[in-house]
Amino acid sequence: MMPPVVAASRTYLRIGAAVYPVYGDDLRGWSPRPQDFGSVLATTPWVYGSIDELFFALVNLSTQAKGRPAARPAPVASLVSPRPRPSEG
């Protein structure tokens, strides 16, 4: 017997100029994918516990440069001064 299909409510999150549809509620969680709420027994890693968590996940994804890997930070100068060399004598 198939479990009943549960409809997910849809709302939108605006991040910069982009608008993302998100699905869910406070009881079942929030997801950018409507199929995550296809059945009562479905489990998926894409469901976030609150809409705030999903919002910040989308912010992190949208702030990464597109088409390029993330830039590496500049090397930090050493805080320890180098030891003086022993003089030859």
N, C-alpha and C. Protein backbone atom coordinates (compact mmCIF):
# COMPACT_ATOMS: atom_id res chain seq x y z
N MET A 1 0.85 -1.18 0.00
CA MET A 1 0.00 0.00 0.00
C MET A 1 0.89 1.24 0.00
N MET A 2 0.60 2.18 -0.83
CA MET A 2 1.37 3.43 -0.94
C MET A 2 0.99 4.38 0.19
N PRO A 3 1.98 5.06 0.80
CA PRO A 3 1.65 6.06 1.81
C PRO A 3 0.98 7.25 1.14
N PRO A 4 0.16 7.98 1.87
CA PRO A 4 -0.55 9.10 1.27
C PRO A 4 0.43 10.20 0.85
N VAL A 5 0.11 10.87 -0.23
CA VAL A 5 0.92 11.98 -0.71
C VAL A 5 0.56 13.21 0.10
N VAL A 6 1.57 13.90 0.58
CA VAL A 6 1.35 15.08 1.40
C VAL A 6 1.78 16.30 0.60
N ALA A 7 0.88 17.22 0.41
CA ALA A 7 1.22 18.43 -0.34
C ALA A 7 2.04 19.36 0.54
N ALA A 8 2.98 20.04 -0.08
CA ALA A 8 3.82 20.99 0.64
C ALA A 8 3.41 22.40 0.25
N SER A 9 3.36 23.28 1.20
CA SER A 9 3.05 24.66 0.88
C SER A 9 4.27 25.32 0.26
N ARG A 10 4.06 26.31 -0.57
CA ARG A 10 5.17 26.98 -1.26
C ARG A 10 5.20 28.44 -0.85
N THR A 11 6.41 28.92 -0.65
CA THR A 11 6.65 30.33 -0.41
C THR A 11 7.92 30.69 -1.17
N TYR A 12 8.31 31.94 -1.11
CA TYR A 12 9.47 32.39 -1.88
C TYR A 12 10.47 33.10 -0.97
N LEU A 13 11.75 32.91 -1.26
CA LEU A 13 12.82 33.63 -0.56
C LEU A 13 13.57 34.46 -1.59
N ARG A 14 13.78 35.75 -1.29
CA ARG A 14 14.54 36.62 -2.17
C ARG A 14 15.95 36.76 -1.61
N ILE A 15 16.94 36.46 -2.45
CA ILE A 15 18.34 36.59 -2.07
C ILE A 15 19.01 37.38 -3.18
N GLY A 16 19.34 38.62 -2.90
CA GLY A 16 19.86 39.51 -3.93
C GLY A 16 18.78 39.74 -4.97
N ALA A 17 19.11 39.53 -6.23
CA ALA A 17 18.14 39.71 -7.32
C ALA A 17 17.36 38.44 -7.61
N ALA A 18 17.78 37.30 -7.04
CA ALA A 18 17.14 36.01 -7.33
C ALA A 18 16.00 35.74 -6.35
N VAL A 19 14.98 35.06 -6.86
CA VAL A 19 13.85 34.64 -6.03
C VAL A 19 13.75 33.12 -6.15
N TYR A 20 13.77 32.44 -5.00
CA TYR A 20 13.75 30.98 -4.97
C TYR A 20 12.43 30.49 -4.38
N PRO A 21 11.74 29.57 -5.06
CA PRO A 21 10.58 28.94 -4.42
C PRO A 21 11.08 27.91 -3.40
N VAL A 22 10.49 27.90 -2.23
CA VAL A 22 10.82 26.91 -1.21
C VAL A 22 9.53 26.28 -0.71
N TYR A 23 9.63 25.04 -0.26
CA TYR A 23 8.46 24.26 0.09
C TYR A 23 8.58 23.74 1.51
N GLY A 24 7.44 23.58 2.17
CA GLY A 24 7.43 22.97 3.49
C GLY A 24 6.64 23.77 4.49
N ASP A 25 6.87 23.44 5.74
CA ASP A 25 6.24 24.15 6.86
C ASP A 25 7.10 23.93 8.10
N ASP A 26 6.70 24.57 9.19
CA ASP A 26 7.51 24.49 10.42
C ASP A 26 7.48 23.10 11.04
N LEU A 27 6.49 22.30 10.75
CA LEU A 27 6.39 20.96 11.32
C LEU A 27 7.30 19.96 10.60
N ARG A 28 7.28 19.96 9.25
CA ARG A 28 8.04 18.97 8.47
C ARG A 28 9.39 19.47 8.01
N GLY A 29 9.63 20.77 8.07
CA GLY A 29 10.89 21.33 7.60
C GLY A 29 10.71 22.04 6.27
N TRP A 30 11.82 22.54 5.72
CA TRP A 30 11.80 23.35 4.50
C TRP A 30 12.80 22.81 3.50
N SER A 31 12.46 22.89 2.22
CA SER A 31 13.32 22.38 1.17
C SER A 31 13.13 23.19 -0.11
N PRO A 32 14.18 23.28 -0.93
CA PRO A 32 14.01 23.93 -2.23
C PRO A 32 13.38 22.98 -3.26
N ARG A 33 13.15 21.72 -2.88
CA ARG A 33 12.62 20.72 -3.81
C ARG A 33 11.24 20.25 -3.35
N PRO A 34 10.20 20.40 -4.18
CA PRO A 34 8.86 19.96 -3.76
C PRO A 34 8.76 18.44 -3.61
N GLN A 35 9.56 17.67 -4.35
CA GLN A 35 9.47 16.21 -4.27
C GLN A 35 9.96 15.66 -2.93
N ASP A 36 10.59 16.48 -2.10
CA ASP A 36 11.02 16.02 -0.79
C ASP A 36 9.85 15.76 0.15
N PHE A 37 8.67 16.21 -0.23
CA PHE A 37 7.49 16.03 0.61
C PHE A 37 6.46 15.12 -0.07
N GLY A 38 6.93 14.20 -0.92
CA GLY A 38 6.04 13.31 -1.66
C GLY A 38 5.34 12.27 -0.81
N SER A 39 5.95 11.88 0.31
CA SER A 39 5.30 10.89 1.16
C SER A 39 5.65 11.19 2.62
N VAL A 40 4.87 10.63 3.48
CA VAL A 40 5.07 10.84 4.91
C VAL A 40 6.37 10.20 5.38
N LEU A 41 6.75 9.09 4.77
CA LEU A 41 7.92 8.33 5.20
C LEU A 41 9.21 8.74 4.50
N ALA A 42 9.14 9.70 3.59
CA ALA A 42 10.33 10.08 2.82
C ALA A 42 11.34 10.79 3.71
N THR A 43 12.60 10.42 3.54
CA THR A 43 13.68 11.13 4.23
C THR A 43 14.65 11.61 3.16
N THR A 44 15.14 12.81 3.33
CA THR A 44 16.05 13.39 2.35
C THR A 44 17.00 14.35 3.04
N PRO A 45 18.22 14.47 2.57
CA PRO A 45 19.16 15.40 3.20
C PRO A 45 18.89 16.86 2.84
N TRP A 46 17.94 17.10 1.95
CA TRP A 46 17.70 18.48 1.49
C TRP A 46 16.66 19.21 2.33
N VAL A 47 16.13 18.60 3.37
CA VAL A 47 15.13 19.26 4.21
C VAL A 47 15.82 19.92 5.40
N TYR A 48 15.59 21.20 5.56
CA TYR A 48 16.19 21.98 6.65
C TYR A 48 15.17 22.14 7.76
N GLY A 49 15.65 22.21 8.99
CA GLY A 49 14.77 22.29 10.15
C GLY A 49 13.97 23.57 10.25
N SER A 50 14.49 24.66 9.75
CA SER A 50 13.77 25.93 9.80
C SER A 50 14.00 26.68 8.49
N ILE A 51 13.15 27.65 8.25
CA ILE A 51 13.29 28.44 7.03
C ILE A 51 14.55 29.31 7.11
N ASP A 52 14.97 29.65 8.33
CA ASP A 52 16.21 30.42 8.49
C ASP A 52 17.42 29.61 8.02
N GLU A 53 17.48 28.33 8.36
CA GLU A 53 18.59 27.48 7.91
C GLU A 53 18.64 27.40 6.40
N LEU A 54 17.48 27.21 5.78
CA LEU A 54 17.42 27.15 4.32
C LEU A 54 17.83 28.48 3.70
N PHE A 55 17.40 29.58 4.29
CA PHE A 55 17.77 30.90 3.79
C PHE A 55 19.29 31.07 3.78
N PHE A 56 19.95 30.74 4.88
CA PHE A 56 21.40 30.92 4.95
C PHE A 56 22.15 29.93 4.05
N ALA A 57 21.60 28.74 3.84
CA ALA A 57 22.21 27.81 2.88
C ALA A 57 22.15 28.39 1.47
N LEU A 58 21.03 29.00 1.10
CA LEU A 58 20.91 29.62 -0.21
C LEU A 58 21.80 30.86 -0.34
N VAL A 59 21.94 31.62 0.74
CA VAL A 59 22.84 32.78 0.73
C VAL A 59 24.27 32.32 0.48
N ASN A 60 24.70 31.27 1.18
CA ASN A 60 26.07 30.76 0.99
C ASN A 60 26.29 30.28 -0.43
N LEU A 61 25.31 29.63 -1.02
CA LEU A 61 25.45 29.17 -2.40
C LEU A 61 25.49 30.33 -3.39
N SER A 62 24.73 31.38 -3.12
CA SER A 62 24.65 32.48 -4.07
C SER A 62 25.83 33.44 -3.96
N THR A 63 26.57 33.42 -2.87
CA THR A 63 27.70 34.34 -2.73
C THR A 63 28.99 33.78 -3.31
N GLN A 64 29.02 32.49 -3.65
CA GLN A 64 30.22 31.90 -4.25
C GLN A 64 30.30 32.33 -5.71
N ALA A 65 31.50 32.64 -6.17
CA ALA A 65 31.70 33.06 -7.56
C ALA A 65 31.29 31.94 -8.49
N LYS A 66 30.63 32.30 -9.58
CA LYS A 66 30.17 31.30 -10.54
C LYS A 66 31.24 31.00 -11.57
N GLY A 67 31.44 29.73 -11.85
CA GLY A 67 32.36 29.32 -12.89
C GLY A 67 33.81 29.30 -12.47
N ARG A 68 34.10 29.69 -11.26
CA ARG A 68 35.48 29.68 -10.76
C ARG A 68 35.51 29.05 -9.38
N PRO A 69 36.57 28.37 -9.05
CA PRO A 69 36.68 27.88 -7.67
C PRO A 69 36.87 29.06 -6.73
N ALA A 70 36.54 28.86 -5.49
CA ALA A 70 36.71 29.92 -4.50
C ALA A 70 38.18 30.32 -4.41
N ALA A 71 38.42 31.62 -4.30
CA ALA A 71 39.79 32.12 -4.22
C ALA A 71 40.40 31.72 -2.89
N ARG A 72 41.68 31.39 -2.93
CA ARG A 72 42.38 31.07 -1.69
C ARG A 72 42.77 32.37 -0.99
N PRO A 73 42.70 32.40 0.32
CA PRO A 73 43.12 33.61 1.02
C PRO A 73 44.63 33.82 0.88
N ALA A 74 45.04 35.07 0.96
CA ALA A 74 46.47 35.38 0.88
C ALA A 74 47.19 34.75 2.06
N PRO A 75 48.43 34.30 1.87
CA PRO A 75 49.15 33.69 2.98
C PRO A 75 49.38 34.71 4.11
N VAL A 76 49.30 34.21 5.30
CA VAL A 76 49.49 35.05 6.48
C VAL A 76 50.98 35.10 6.81
N ALA A 77 51.50 36.29 7.05
CA ALA A 77 52.91 36.44 7.42
C ALA A 77 53.16 35.75 8.75
N SER A 78 54.31 35.18 8.88
CA SER A 78 54.65 34.48 10.11
C SER A 78 54.74 35.47 11.26
N LEU A 79 54.22 35.06 12.39
CA LEU A 79 54.27 35.91 13.58
C LEU A 79 55.57 35.73 14.35
N VAL A 80 56.32 34.70 14.02
CA VAL A 80 57.57 34.41 14.71
C VAL A 80 58.71 34.89 13.82
N SER A 81 59.59 35.68 14.38
CA SER A 81 60.71 36.15 13.58
C SER A 81 61.70 34.99 13.36
N PRO A 82 62.34 34.95 12.22
CA PRO A 82 63.28 33.86 11.97
C PRO A 82 64.47 33.94 12.92
N ARG A 83 65.02 32.78 13.23
CA ARG A 83 66.20 32.75 14.10
C ARG A 83 67.42 33.27 13.37
N PRO A 84 68.26 34.02 14.07
CA PRO A 84 69.49 34.48 13.41
C PRO A 84 70.42 33.31 13.16
N ARG A 85 71.13 33.38 12.06
CA ARG A 85 72.10 32.33 11.73
C ARG A 85 73.33 32.47 12.60
N PRO A 86 73.90 31.36 13.02
CA PRO A 86 75.13 31.45 13.81
C PRO A 86 76.25 31.97 12.90
N SER A 87 77.02 32.86 13.44
CA SER A 87 78.11 33.43 12.64
C SER A 87 79.26 32.43 12.56
N GLU A 88 79.91 32.44 11.40
CA GLU A 88 81.05 31.53 11.23
C GLU A 88 82.28 32.19 11.85
N GLY A 89 83.00 31.48 12.53
CA GLY A 89 84.10 32.15 13.14
C GLY A 89 85.25 31.40 13.42
